[in-house]
PDB file of N, CA and C in Angstrom:
ATOM      1  N   MET A   1      58.010 122.041  53.799  1.00  0.00           N
ATOM      2  CA  MET A   1      56.602 121.701  53.759  1.00  0.00           C
ATOM      3  C   MET A   1      56.366 120.586  54.758  1.00  0.00           C
ATOM      4  N   ASP A   2      55.262 120.631  55.465  1.00  0.00           N
ATOM      5  CA  ASP A   2      54.889 119.584  56.401  1.00  0.00           C
ATOM      6  C   ASP A   2      54.868 118.248  55.671  1.00  0.00           C
ATOM      7  N   THR A   3      55.446 117.236  56.277  1.00  0.00           N
ATOM      8  CA  THR A   3      55.525 115.934  55.604  1.00  0.00           C
ATOM      9  C   THR A   3      54.159 115.301  55.401  1.00  0.00           C
ATOM     10  N   ASN A   4      53.147 115.754  56.146  1.00  0.00           N
ATOM     11  CA  ASN A   4      51.797 115.218  55.986  1.00  0.00           C
ATOM     12  C   ASN A   4      50.945 116.039  55.026  1.00  0.00           C
ATOM     13  N   THR A   5      51.501 117.104  54.482  1.00  0.00           N
ATOM     14  CA  THR A   5      50.762 117.972  53.578  1.00  0.00           C
ATOM     15  C   THR A   5      51.547 118.134  52.291  1.00  0.00           C
ATOM     16  N   THR A   6      50.914 117.833  51.186  1.00  0.00           N
ATOM     17  CA  THR A   6      51.530 118.042  49.884  1.00  0.00           C
ATOM     18  C   THR A   6      50.686 119.041  49.126  1.00  0.00           C
ATOM     19  N   PRO A   7      51.171 119.589  48.015  1.00  0.00           N
ATOM     20  CA  PRO A   7      50.372 120.544  47.263  1.00  0.00           C
ATOM     21  C   PRO A   7      49.068 119.963  46.723  1.00  0.00           C
ATOM     22  N   THR A   8      48.842 118.679  46.880  1.00  0.00           N
ATOM     23  CA  THR A   8      47.592 118.097  46.367  1.00  0.00           C
ATOM     24  C   THR A   8      46.708 117.562  47.481  1.00  0.00           C
ATOM     25  N   SER A   9      47.099 117.711  48.740  1.00  0.00           N
ATOM     26  CA  SER A   9      46.284 117.164  49.817  1.00  0.00           C
ATOM     27  C   SER A   9      45.720 118.284  50.691  1.00  0.00           C
ATOM     28  N   VAL A  10      44.633 117.964  51.385  1.00  0.00           N
ATOM     29  CA  VAL A  10      44.032 118.883  52.333  1.00  0.00           C
ATOM     30  C   VAL A  10      44.103 118.214  53.697  1.00  0.00           C
ATOM     31  N   PRO A  11      44.664 118.915  54.691  1.00  0.00           N
ATOM     32  CA  PRO A  11      44.755 118.312  56.014  1.00  0.00           C
ATOM     33  C   PRO A  11      43.368 117.990  56.579  1.00  0.00           C
ATOM     34  N   SER A  12      43.333 117.132  57.572  1.00  0.00           N
ATOM     35  CA  SER A  12      42.064 116.678  58.130  1.00  0.00           C
ATOM     36  C   SER A  12      41.242 117.819  58.715  1.00  0.00           C
ATOM     37  N   GLY A  13      41.855 118.925  59.105  1.00  0.00           N
ATOM     38  CA  GLY A  13      41.127 120.064  59.659  1.00  0.00           C
ATOM     39  C   GLY A  13      40.352 120.834  58.617  1.00  0.00           C
ATOM     40  N   GLY A  14      40.572 120.558  57.328  1.00  0.00           N
ATOM     41  CA  GLY A  14      39.832 121.208  56.269  1.00  0.00           C
ATOM     42  C   GLY A  14      40.428 122.510  55.785  1.00  0.00           C
ATOM     43  N   LEU A  15      41.438 123.032  56.456  1.00  0.00           N
ATOM     44  CA  LEU A  15      42.075 124.258  55.999  1.00  0.00           C
ATOM     45  C   LEU A  15      42.994 123.954  54.830  1.00  0.00           C
ATOM     46  N   GLU A  16      43.032 124.893  53.893  1.00  0.00           N
ATOM     47  CA  GLU A  16      43.886 124.723  52.731  1.00  0.00           C
ATOM     48  C   GLU A  16      45.354 124.847  53.130  1.00  0.00           C
ATOM     49  N   PRO A  17      46.220 123.999  52.577  1.00  0.00           N
ATOM     50  CA  PRO A  17      47.644 124.111  52.882  1.00  0.00           C
ATOM     51  C   PRO A  17      48.224 125.422  52.364  1.00  0.00           C
ATOM     52  N   LEU A  18      49.163 125.956  53.112  1.00  0.00           N
ATOM     53  CA  LEU A  18      49.898 127.146  52.709  1.00  0.00           C
ATOM     54  C   LEU A  18      51.362 126.771  52.550  1.00  0.00           C
ATOM     55  N   LEU A  19      51.978 127.268  51.500  1.00  0.00           N
ATOM     56  CA  LEU A  19      53.380 126.971  51.204  1.00  0.00           C
ATOM     57  C   LEU A  19      54.241 128.195  51.475  1.00  0.00           C
ATOM     58  N   THR A  20      55.452 127.956  51.937  1.00  0.00           N
ATOM     59  CA  THR A  20      56.432 129.025  52.017  1.00  0.00           C
ATOM     60  C   THR A  20      57.061 129.199  50.641  1.00  0.00           C
ATOM     61  N   ALA A  21      57.831 130.250  50.460  1.00  0.00           N
ATOM     62  CA  ALA A  21      58.559 130.439  49.197  1.00  0.00           C
ATOM     63  C   ALA A  21      59.495 129.258  48.962  1.00  0.00           C
ATOM     64  N   GLU A  22      60.077 128.740  50.024  1.00  0.00           N
ATOM     65  CA  GLU A  22      60.973 127.590  49.917  1.00  0.00           C
ATOM     66  C   GLU A  22      60.205 126.345  49.488  1.00  0.00           C
ATOM     67  N   ASP A  23      59.015 126.130  50.061  1.00  0.00           N
ATOM     68  CA  ASP A  23      58.164 124.998  49.673  1.00  0.00           C
ATOM     69  C   ASP A  23      57.794 125.084  48.197  1.00  0.00           C
ATOM     70  N   LEU A  24      57.379 126.288  47.775  1.00  0.00           N
ATOM     71  CA  LEU A  24      56.963 126.481  46.387  1.00  0.00           C
ATOM     72  C   LEU A  24      58.128 126.243  45.436  1.00  0.00           C
ATOM     73  N   ALA A  25      59.280 126.772  45.774  1.00  0.00           N
ATOM     74  CA  ALA A  25      60.469 126.579  44.933  1.00  0.00           C
ATOM     75  C   ALA A  25      60.824 125.097  44.827  1.00  0.00           C
ATOM     76  N   ALA A  26      60.776 124.391  45.939  1.00  0.00           N
ATOM     77  CA  ALA A  26      61.084 122.954  45.922  1.00  0.00           C
ATOM     78  C   ALA A  26      60.070 122.198  45.073  1.00  0.00           C
ATOM     79  N   TYR A  27      58.796 122.530  45.197  1.00  0.00           N
ATOM     80  CA  TYR A  27      57.750 121.861  44.420  1.00  0.00           C
ATOM     81  C   TYR A  27      57.956 122.089  42.924  1.00  0.00           C
ATOM     82  N   LEU A  28      58.304 123.327  42.543  1.00  0.00           N
ATOM     83  CA  LEU A  28      58.501 123.665  41.136  1.00  0.00           C
ATOM     84  C   LEU A  28      59.885 123.283  40.617  1.00  0.00           C
ATOM     85  N   GLY A  29      60.804 122.967  41.529  1.00  0.00           N
ATOM     86  CA  GLY A  29      62.165 122.610  41.133  1.00  0.00           C
ATOM     87  C   GLY A  29      62.956 123.790  40.624  1.00  0.00           C
ATOM     88  N   ILE A  30      62.751 124.945  41.250  1.00  0.00           N
ATOM     89  CA  ILE A  30      63.437 126.177  40.852  1.00  0.00           C
ATOM     90  C   ILE A  30      64.071 126.817  42.079  1.00  0.00           C
ATOM     91  N   PRO A  31      65.003 127.748  41.881  1.00  0.00           N
ATOM     92  CA  PRO A  31      65.597 128.435  43.035  1.00  0.00           C
ATOM     93  C   PRO A  31      64.579 129.330  43.748  1.00  0.00           C
ATOM     94  N   VAL A  32      64.737 129.471  45.055  1.00  0.00           N
ATOM     95  CA  VAL A  32      63.882 130.356  45.845  1.00  0.00           C
ATOM     96  C   VAL A  32      63.990 131.788  45.309  1.00  0.00           C
ATOM     97  N   SER A  33      65.157 132.164  44.854  1.00  0.00           N
ATOM     98  CA  SER A  33      65.332 133.528  44.323  1.00  0.00           C
ATOM     99  C   SER A  33      64.424 133.782  43.122  1.00  0.00           C
ATOM    100  N   THR A  34      64.149 132.751  42.342  1.00  0.00           N
ATOM    101  CA  THR A  34      63.248 132.907  41.196  1.00  0.00           C
ATOM    102  C   THR A  34      61.822 133.181  41.669  1.00  0.00           C
ATOM    103  N   VAL A  35      61.371 132.470  42.695  1.00  0.00           N
ATOM    104  CA  VAL A  35      60.034 132.712  43.262  1.00  0.00           C
ATOM    105  C   VAL A  35      59.947 134.152  43.738  1.00  0.00           C
ATOM    106  N   ARG A  36      60.975 134.614  44.425  1.00  0.00           N
ATOM    107  CA  ARG A  36      60.977 135.993  44.946  1.00  0.00           C
ATOM    108  C   ARG A  36      61.042 137.010  43.812  1.00  0.00           C
ATOM    109  N   ASP A  37      61.829 136.728  42.787  1.00  0.00           N
ATOM    110  CA  ASP A  37      61.905 137.629  41.622  1.00  0.00           C
ATOM    111  C   ASP A  37      60.549 137.717  40.920  1.00  0.00           C
ATOM    112  N   TRP A  38      59.888 136.571  40.741  1.00  0.00           N
ATOM    113  CA  TRP A  38      58.560 136.563  40.116  1.00  0.00           C
ATOM    114  C   TRP A  38      57.599 137.419  40.914  1.00  0.00           C
ATOM    115  N   ARG A  39      57.648 137.314  42.228  1.00  0.00           N
ATOM    116  CA  ARG A  39      56.745 138.089  43.087  1.00  0.00           C
ATOM    117  C   ARG A  39      57.005 139.579  42.901  1.00  0.00           C
ATOM    118  N   THR A  40      58.252 139.974  42.928  1.00  0.00           N
ATOM    119  CA  THR A  40      58.622 141.376  42.753  1.00  0.00           C
ATOM    120  C   THR A  40      58.156 141.904  41.401  1.00  0.00           C
ATOM    121  N   ALA A  41      58.239 141.070  40.373  1.00  0.00           N
ATOM    122  CA  ALA A  41      57.858 141.468  39.016  1.00  0.00           C
ATOM    123  C   ALA A  41      56.364 141.265  38.744  1.00  0.00           C
ATOM    124  N   GLY A  42      55.620 140.735  39.709  1.00  0.00           N
ATOM    125  CA  GLY A  42      54.195 140.492  39.525  1.00  0.00           C
ATOM    126  C   GLY A  42      53.893 139.339  38.590  1.00  0.00           C
ATOM    127  N   LYS A  43      54.805 138.382  38.493  1.00  0.00           N
ATOM    128  CA  LYS A  43      54.640 137.265  37.556  1.00  0.00           C
ATOM    129  C   LYS A  43      54.255 135.947  38.212  1.00  0.00           C
ATOM    130  N   GLY A  44      54.423 135.828  39.497  1.00  0.00           N
ATOM    131  CA  GLY A  44      54.164 134.559  40.169  1.00  0.00           C
ATOM    132  C   GLY A  44      52.764 134.487  40.744  1.00  0.00           C
ATOM    133  N   PRO A  45      52.496 133.424  41.504  1.00  0.00           N
ATOM    134  CA  PRO A  45      51.179 133.287  42.132  1.00  0.00           C
ATOM    135  C   PRO A  45      50.982 134.331  43.224  1.00  0.00           C
ATOM    136  N   CYS A  46      49.731 134.639  43.502  1.00  0.00           N
ATOM    137  CA  CYS A  46      49.406 135.571  44.582  1.00  0.00           C
ATOM    138  C   CYS A  46      49.813 134.959  45.914  1.00  0.00           C
ATOM    139  N   GLY A  47      50.174 135.821  46.838  1.00  0.00           N
ATOM    140  CA  GLY A  47      50.561 135.371  48.160  1.00  0.00           C
ATOM    141  C   GLY A  47      49.520 135.734  49.202  1.00  0.00           C
ATOM    142  N   VAL A  48      49.681 135.163  50.381  1.00  0.00           N
ATOM    143  CA  VAL A  48      48.824 135.426  51.531  1.00  0.00           C
ATOM    144  C   VAL A  48      49.738 135.838  52.675  1.00  0.00           C
ATOM    145  N   TRP A  49      49.466 136.997  53.252  1.00  0.00           N
ATOM    146  CA  TRP A  49      50.270 137.427  54.399  1.00  0.00           C
ATOM    147  C   TRP A  49      49.648 136.873  55.670  1.00  0.00           C
ATOM    148  N   VAL A  50      50.455 136.181  56.442  1.00  0.00           N
ATOM    149  CA  VAL A  50      50.068 135.683  57.755  1.00  0.00           C
ATOM    150  C   VAL A  50      50.975 136.403  58.735  1.00  0.00           C
ATOM    151  N   GLY A  51      50.464 137.508  59.254  1.00  0.00           N
ATOM    152  CA  GLY A  51      51.320 138.377  60.057  1.00  0.00           C
ATOM    153  C   GLY A  51      52.414 138.941  59.169  1.00  0.00           C
ATOM    154  N   LYS A  52      53.659 138.700  59.519  1.00  0.00           N
ATOM    155  CA  LYS A  52      54.803 139.163  58.727  1.00  0.00           C
ATOM    156  C   LYS A  52      55.303 138.107  57.759  1.00  0.00           C
ATOM    157  N   HIS A  53      54.611 136.988  57.665  1.00  0.00           N
ATOM    158  CA  HIS A  53      55.081 135.859  56.872  1.00  0.00           C
ATOM    159  C   HIS A  53      54.258 135.691  55.602  1.00  0.00           C
ATOM    160  N   LEU A  54      54.936 135.609  54.475  1.00  0.00           N
ATOM    161  CA  LEU A  54      54.269 135.407  53.195  1.00  0.00           C
ATOM    162  C   LEU A  54      54.125 133.918  52.923  1.00  0.00           C
ATOM    163  N   ARG A  55      52.919 133.518  52.573  1.00  0.00           N
ATOM    164  CA  ARG A  55      52.633 132.132  52.233  1.00  0.00           C
ATOM    165  C   ARG A  55      51.867 132.097  50.919  1.00  0.00           C
ATOM    166  N   TYR A  56      51.842 130.934  50.299  1.00  0.00           N
ATOM    167  CA  TYR A  56      51.144 130.742  49.034  1.00  0.00           C
ATOM    168  C   TYR A  56      50.088 129.664  49.222  1.00  0.00           C
ATOM    169  N   ALA A  57      48.816 130.009  48.968  1.00  0.00           N
ATOM    170  CA  ALA A  57      47.728 129.039  49.055  1.00  0.00           C
ATOM    171  C   ALA A  57      47.846 128.079  47.876  1.00  0.00           C
ATOM    172  N   VAL A  58      47.671 126.807  48.152  1.00  0.00           N
ATOM    173  CA  VAL A  58      47.783 125.791  47.112  1.00  0.00           C
ATOM    174  C   VAL A  58      46.815 126.089  45.962  1.00  0.00           C
ATOM    175  N   SER A  59      45.615 126.568  46.272  1.00  0.00           N
ATOM    176  CA  SER A  59      44.649 126.876  45.202  1.00  0.00           C
ATOM    177  C   SER A  59      45.151 128.007  44.309  1.00  0.00           C
ATOM    178  N   ASP A  60      45.837 128.997  44.887  1.00  0.00           N
ATOM    179  CA  ASP A  60      46.408 130.080  44.071  1.00  0.00           C
ATOM    180  C   ASP A  60      47.538 129.572  43.199  1.00  0.00           C
ATOM    181  N   VAL A  61      48.342 128.667  43.736  1.00  0.00           N
ATOM    182  CA  VAL A  61      49.437 128.080  42.954  1.00  0.00           C
ATOM    183  C   VAL A  61      48.861 127.267  41.800  1.00  0.00           C
ATOM    184  N   ARG A  62      47.831 126.472  42.076  1.00  0.00           N
ATOM    185  CA  ARG A  62      47.197 125.684  41.013  1.00  0.00           C
ATOM    186  C   ARG A  62      46.621 126.580  39.925  1.00  0.00           C
ATOM    187  N   ALA A  63      45.935 127.660  40.325  1.00  0.00           N
ATOM    188  CA  ALA A  63      45.347 128.587  39.343  1.00  0.00           C
ATOM    189  C   ALA A  63      46.443 129.241  38.508  1.00  0.00           C
ATOM    190  N   TRP A  64      47.520 129.658  39.149  1.00  0.00           N
ATOM    191  CA  TRP A  64      48.628 130.280  38.444  1.00  0.00           C
ATOM    192  C   TRP A  64      49.282 129.294  37.472  1.00  0.00           C
ATOM    193  N   LEU A  65      49.483 128.063  37.929  1.00  0.00           N
ATOM    194  CA  LEU A  65      50.068 127.045  37.054  1.00  0.00           C
ATOM    195  C   LEU A  65      49.185 126.790  35.838  1.00  0.00           C
ATOM    196  N   SER A  66      47.886 126.778  36.044  1.00  0.00           N
ATOM    197  CA  SER A  66      46.957 126.580  34.940  1.00  0.00           C
ATOM    198  C   SER A  66      47.104 127.688  33.900  1.00  0.00           C
ATOM    199  N   GLU A  67      47.334 128.912  34.359  1.00  0.00           N
ATOM    200  CA  GLU A  67      47.533 130.049  33.450  1.00  0.00           C
ATOM    201  C   GLU A  67      48.840 129.938  32.669  1.00  0.00           C
ATOM    202  N   GLN A  68      49.789 129.166  33.182  1.00  0.00           N
ATOM    203  CA  GLN A  68      51.097 129.026  32.540  1.00  0.00           C
ATOM    204  C   GLN A  68      51.098 127.938  31.468  1.00  0.00           C
ATOM    205  N   ARG A  69      50.051 127.152  31.424  1.00  0.00           N
ATOM    206  CA  ARG A  69      49.975 126.026  30.495  1.00  0.00           C
ATOM    207  C   ARG A  69      49.929 126.524  29.054  1.00  0.00           C
ATOM    208  N   GLU A  70      50.653 125.846  28.196  1.00  0.00           N
ATOM    209  CA  GLU A  70      50.627 126.154  26.764  1.00  0.00           C
ATOM    210  C   GLU A  70      49.239 125.851  26.205  1.00  0.00           C
ATOM    211  N   SER A  71      48.782 126.678  25.268  1.00  0.00           N
ATOM    212  CA  SER A  71      47.508 126.381  24.609  1.00  0.00           C
ATOM    213  C   SER A  71      47.696 125.241  23.611  1.00  0.00           C
ATOM    214  N   GLN A  72      48.896 125.175  23.035  1.00  0.00           N
ATOM    215  CA  GLN A  72      49.303 124.086  22.154  1.00  0.00           C
ATOM    216  C   GLN A  72      50.796 123.876  22.377  1.00  0.00           C
ATOM    217  N   PRO A  73      51.293 122.678  22.127  1.00  0.00           N
ATOM    218  CA  PRO A  73      52.720 122.436  22.331  1.00  0.00           C
ATOM    219  C   PRO A  73      53.571 123.450  21.557  1.00  0.00           C
ATOM    220  N   GLY A  74      54.534 124.029  22.260  1.00  0.00           N
ATOM    221  CA  GLY A  74      55.455 124.976  21.634  1.00  0.00           C
ATOM    222  C   GLY A  74      54.948 126.398  21.576  1.00  0.00           C
ATOM    223  N   GLN A  75      53.711 126.640  22.013  1.00  0.00           N
ATOM    224  CA  GLN A  75      53.158 128.002  22.008  1.00  0.00           C
ATOM    225  C   GLN A  75      52.992 128.467  23.453  1.00  0.00           C
ATOM    226  N   PRO A  76      53.664 129.563  23.805  1.00  0.00           N
ATOM    227  CA  PRO A  76      53.550 130.047  25.190  1.00  0.00           C
ATOM    228  C   PRO A  76      52.131 130.531  25.473  1.00  0.00           C
ATOM    229  N   PRO A  77      51.764 130.573  26.746  1.00  0.00           N
ATOM    230  CA  PRO A  77      50.438 131.065  27.092  1.00  0.00           C
ATOM    231  C   PRO A  77      50.257 132.507  26.634  1.00  0.00           C
ATOM    232  N   GLU A  78      49.013 132.887  26.372  1.00  0.00           N
ATOM    233  CA  GLU A  78      48.735 134.232  25.891  1.00  0.00           C
ATOM    234  C   GLU A  78      49.065 135.306  26.910  1.00  0.00           C
ATOM    235  N   SER A  79      49.068 134.976  28.188  1.00  0.00           N
ATOM    236  CA  SER A  79      49.313 135.962  29.237  1.00  0.00           C
ATOM    237  C   SER A  79      50.777 136.385  29.339  1.00  0.00           C
ATOM    238  N   ARG A  80      51.673 135.719  28.618  1.00  0.00           N
ATOM    239  CA  ARG A  80      53.096 136.053  28.722  1.00  0.00           C
ATOM    240  C   ARG A  80      53.451 137.231  27.874  1.00  0.00           C
TER     241      ARG A  80
END
């Protein structure tokens, strides 16, 4: 991930940051293989194709993370 762009910042140009699978895995603290497995299984955040390169929009990651939140402690989200 660009050192000047974090999953919570917007660069001065106004474009939303895009993360690689490696960036997303590092942010979540999980193996890159898990991000790829989630994508294959349709369980992870939506991706954006930039030519032949898959990227993840920070807003999509935030929306997906929000869906993963427990409704109450110890209760998995209803979407699981």
